[in-house]
Protein backbone atom coordinates (compact mmCIF):
# COMPACT_ATOMS: atom_id res chain seq x y z
CA MET A 1 33.97 235.98 190.12
CA VAL A 2 31.18 234.13 188.29
CA GLN A 3 30.53 235.20 184.70
CA ALA A 4 27.02 236.63 184.16
CA VAL A 5 24.67 234.44 182.12
CA VAL A 6 23.83 236.23 178.87
CA LEU A 7 20.52 235.06 177.41
CA PHE A 8 20.94 236.81 174.08
CA GLN A 9 22.89 239.53 172.36
CA GLU A 10 22.33 241.68 169.29
CA GLN A 11 25.35 243.79 168.36
CA GLU A 12 26.13 246.04 171.37
CA LEU A 13 22.85 245.19 173.14
CA SER A 14 22.77 242.17 175.47
CA ILE A 15 20.39 240.71 178.02
CA ARG A 16 21.87 238.94 181.04
CA GLN A 17 20.23 237.24 183.98
CA LEU A 18 19.58 239.34 187.08
CA GLU A 19 22.05 238.62 189.90
CA ARG A 20 22.03 239.41 193.62
CA GLY A 21 24.75 241.97 193.01
CA ASP A 22 22.30 244.03 190.94
CA VAL A 23 20.32 245.20 193.97
CA ASP A 24 22.10 248.58 194.17
CA LEU A 25 21.53 249.18 190.44
CA LEU A 26 17.80 248.57 190.81
CA VAL A 27 17.63 250.79 193.90
CA LYS A 28 19.39 253.57 191.94
CA TRP A 29 17.03 253.30 188.99
CA LEU A 30 13.87 252.82 191.04
CA SER A 31 14.54 255.82 193.21
CA ASN A 32 15.01 258.15 190.21
CA PRO A 33 11.84 260.27 189.76
CA ALA A 34 12.33 260.38 185.97
CA VAL A 35 12.17 256.57 185.80
CA LEU A 36 9.43 256.29 188.42
CA MET A 37 7.20 258.68 186.46
CA TYR A 38 6.61 255.74 184.08
CA TYR A 39 7.48 252.69 186.18
CA GLU A 40 6.06 252.10 189.68
CA GLY A 41 5.29 255.79 190.39
CA ARG A 42 7.22 258.69 191.93
CA ASP A 43 5.42 258.03 195.21
CA ARG A 44 7.08 254.58 195.41
CA PRO A 45 10.85 255.09 195.41
CA HIS A 46 12.45 251.73 196.15
CA ASN A 47 14.95 251.03 198.88
CA THR A 48 17.04 247.88 199.22
CA GLU A 49 14.34 245.96 201.09
CA MET A 50 11.70 246.74 198.44
CA VAL A 51 14.03 245.72 195.60
CA VAL A 52 14.96 242.44 197.28
CA GLU A 53 11.28 241.63 197.92
CA SER A 54 10.08 242.64 194.43
CA PHE A 55 12.90 241.30 192.28
CA PHE A 56 14.39 238.42 194.27
CA GLY A 57 11.34 237.14 196.16
CA ASP A 58 8.84 234.69 194.76
CA GLN A 59 9.81 233.91 191.21
CA VAL A 60 7.78 231.89 188.77
CA SER A 61 10.02 229.17 187.34
CA GLU A 62 9.59 230.30 183.74
CA GLU A 63 9.94 234.01 184.49
CA ALA A 64 13.17 235.56 183.27
CA ARG A 65 14.39 238.61 185.19
CA CYS A 66 17.25 240.32 183.41
CA ILE A 67 19.54 243.30 183.14
CA ILE A 68 19.78 245.19 179.86
CA GLN A 69 23.34 246.00 178.83
CA TYR A 70 24.41 248.40 176.10
CA GLU A 71 28.07 248.46 175.11
CA SER A 72 28.70 246.32 178.24
CA LYS A 73 27.12 248.92 180.56
CA ASP A 74 24.11 248.00 182.70
CA ILE A 75 21.34 250.38 181.62
CA GLY A 76 17.99 248.82 182.52
CA TYR A 77 15.76 245.92 183.46
CA ILE A 78 13.56 243.52 181.50
CA GLN A 79 11.43 240.54 182.45
CA PHE A 80 9.42 238.11 180.35
CA TYR A 81 7.20 235.16 181.20
CA PRO A 82 4.33 232.99 179.96
CA ILE A 83 1.18 234.80 181.08
CA ASP A 84 -0.76 233.08 183.85
CA GLU A 85 -4.41 231.98 183.96
CA GLU A 86 -5.52 235.23 185.61
CA GLU A 87 -4.01 237.30 182.78
CA ILE A 88 -5.37 234.91 180.14
CA GLN A 89 -8.87 235.60 181.52
CA LYS A 90 -8.33 239.34 182.00
CA TYR A 91 -6.92 239.83 178.49
CA GLY A 92 -9.47 237.58 176.74
CA TYR A 93 -7.19 234.77 175.54
CA GLU A 94 -9.27 231.86 176.92
CA SER A 95 -9.91 230.42 173.44
CA TYR A 96 -6.41 231.10 172.10
CA HIS A 97 -4.29 227.96 171.86
CA GLY A 98 -0.84 229.43 171.22
CA GLN A 99 1.89 230.41 173.68
CA VAL A 100 1.34 233.93 175.07
CA TYR A 101 4.25 235.71 176.75
CA GLY A 102 4.22 238.96 178.68
CA MET A 103 7.12 241.35 179.03
CA ASP A 104 7.96 244.49 181.02
CA GLN A 105 11.03 246.67 180.83
CA PHE A 106 12.55 250.03 181.57
CA ILE A 107 15.77 251.82 180.75
CA GLY A 108 17.02 253.04 184.11
CA GLU A 109 19.94 255.11 182.80
CA THR A 110 18.14 258.17 181.44
CA ASP A 111 21.18 259.17 179.34
CA TYR A 112 20.22 256.19 177.16
CA TRP A 113 16.66 257.39 176.53
CA ASN A 114 15.70 258.68 173.07
CA ARG A 115 18.53 256.85 171.31
CA GLY A 116 16.53 254.03 169.69
CA ILE A 117 17.77 251.47 172.21
CA GLY A 118 14.27 250.72 173.53
CA THR A 119 12.99 249.86 170.06
CA ARG A 120 16.00 247.61 169.40
CA LEU A 121 15.55 245.99 172.81
CA VAL A 122 11.88 245.21 172.25
CA ARG A 123 12.48 243.87 168.71
CA ALA A 124 15.38 241.67 169.89
CA THR A 125 13.37 240.33 172.83
CA VAL A 126 10.38 239.55 170.61
CA ALA A 127 12.67 237.64 168.21
CA TYR A 128 14.21 235.75 171.14
CA LEU A 129 10.81 234.81 172.60
CA ILE A 130 9.54 233.54 169.25
CA ALA A 131 12.71 231.61 168.36
CA HIS A 132 13.67 230.22 171.78
CA LYS A 133 10.47 230.13 173.85
CA GLY A 134 7.89 229.32 171.19
CA ALA A 135 5.89 232.50 171.80
CA THR A 136 3.10 233.04 169.28
CA LYS A 137 1.79 236.24 170.90
CA ILE A 138 3.57 238.71 173.15
CA VAL A 139 1.60 241.17 175.25
CA MET A 140 2.27 244.21 177.41
CA ASP A 141 0.02 246.60 179.32
CA PRO A 142 1.64 250.06 179.28
CA GLN A 143 -0.07 253.05 180.82
CA VAL A 144 -2.21 255.01 178.37
CA ARG A 145 -0.32 258.20 179.25
CA ASN A 146 3.11 256.68 178.50
CA GLU A 147 3.13 257.89 174.90
CA ARG A 148 6.89 257.50 174.41
CA ALA A 149 6.76 253.81 175.34
CA LEU A 150 3.69 253.26 173.17
CA ARG A 151 5.53 254.74 170.15
CA VAL A 152 8.47 252.40 170.82
CA TYR A 153 6.18 249.37 171.04
CA GLU A 154 4.29 250.30 167.88
CA LYS A 155 7.60 250.75 166.00
CA ALA A 156 8.53 247.25 167.18
CA GLY A 157 5.32 245.77 165.70
CA PHE A 158 2.89 245.83 168.64
CA SER A 159 -0.69 247.00 168.17
CA LYS A 160 -3.31 248.19 170.63
CA LYS A 161 -5.94 245.54 171.34
CA LYS A 162 -8.07 247.03 174.10
CA ARG A 163 -8.12 249.71 176.74
CA LEU A 164 -7.86 248.30 180.26
CA GLU A 165 -9.74 250.77 182.43
CA LYS A 166 -8.51 251.40 185.97
CA HIS A 167 -5.94 248.64 185.45
CA GLU A 168 -2.85 249.81 187.35
CA TRP A 169 -2.25 251.71 190.57
CA HIS A 170 0.10 254.60 189.80
CA GLU A 171 0.79 257.68 191.89
CA GLY A 172 -2.32 257.52 194.03
CA GLU A 173 -4.93 256.42 191.50
CA MET A 174 -5.99 253.56 189.30
CA GLY A 175 -4.95 254.42 185.76
CA ASP A 176 -5.91 253.09 182.36
CA CYS A 177 -3.52 250.94 180.37
CA TRP A 178 -3.48 249.55 176.85
CA LEU A 179 -3.33 245.84 176.17
CA ILE A 180 -0.90 245.73 173.29
CA GLU A 181 0.00 242.64 171.33
CA TYR A 182 2.62 241.33 168.95
CA ASP A 183 1.22 238.49 166.86
CA ALA A 184 3.96 236.18 165.64
């Protein structure tokens, strides 16, 4: 068996590269209504085909798709990437000359919610992106209604930059999101 590639670790939290064998994990998490309420939508439970297409299909060369581990248990998913030209325009970074990274994540094992792991995860990922990828800004676009995630991000040093109206399709409607930013 091939050893998983760990990108970084901070105490009992580690981030390893996504592998083909993780399909069933992602299907489990992305068919859980509690997770889908905040990620993808409860009207979009994922089956194997959807997971393979979404997570193993076209991949940008600099995009990292990873599994979050806590105490060696797989508990969630995270991805990070340099934002593309479309996002640079949409978010208003045309005149910014630094390296802007985006990131998205969810904890799929709900027993690990509300334990401070999300805050530690975001802080550790930000530190990794600054130290190893040269990121000077890191952005996310969480849904306005996802107050728990917004509290986590603010604790990790992100601030709201602008409201993105009708930005993301979620559960049958276009919903507002916040552009949030960490400025290194």
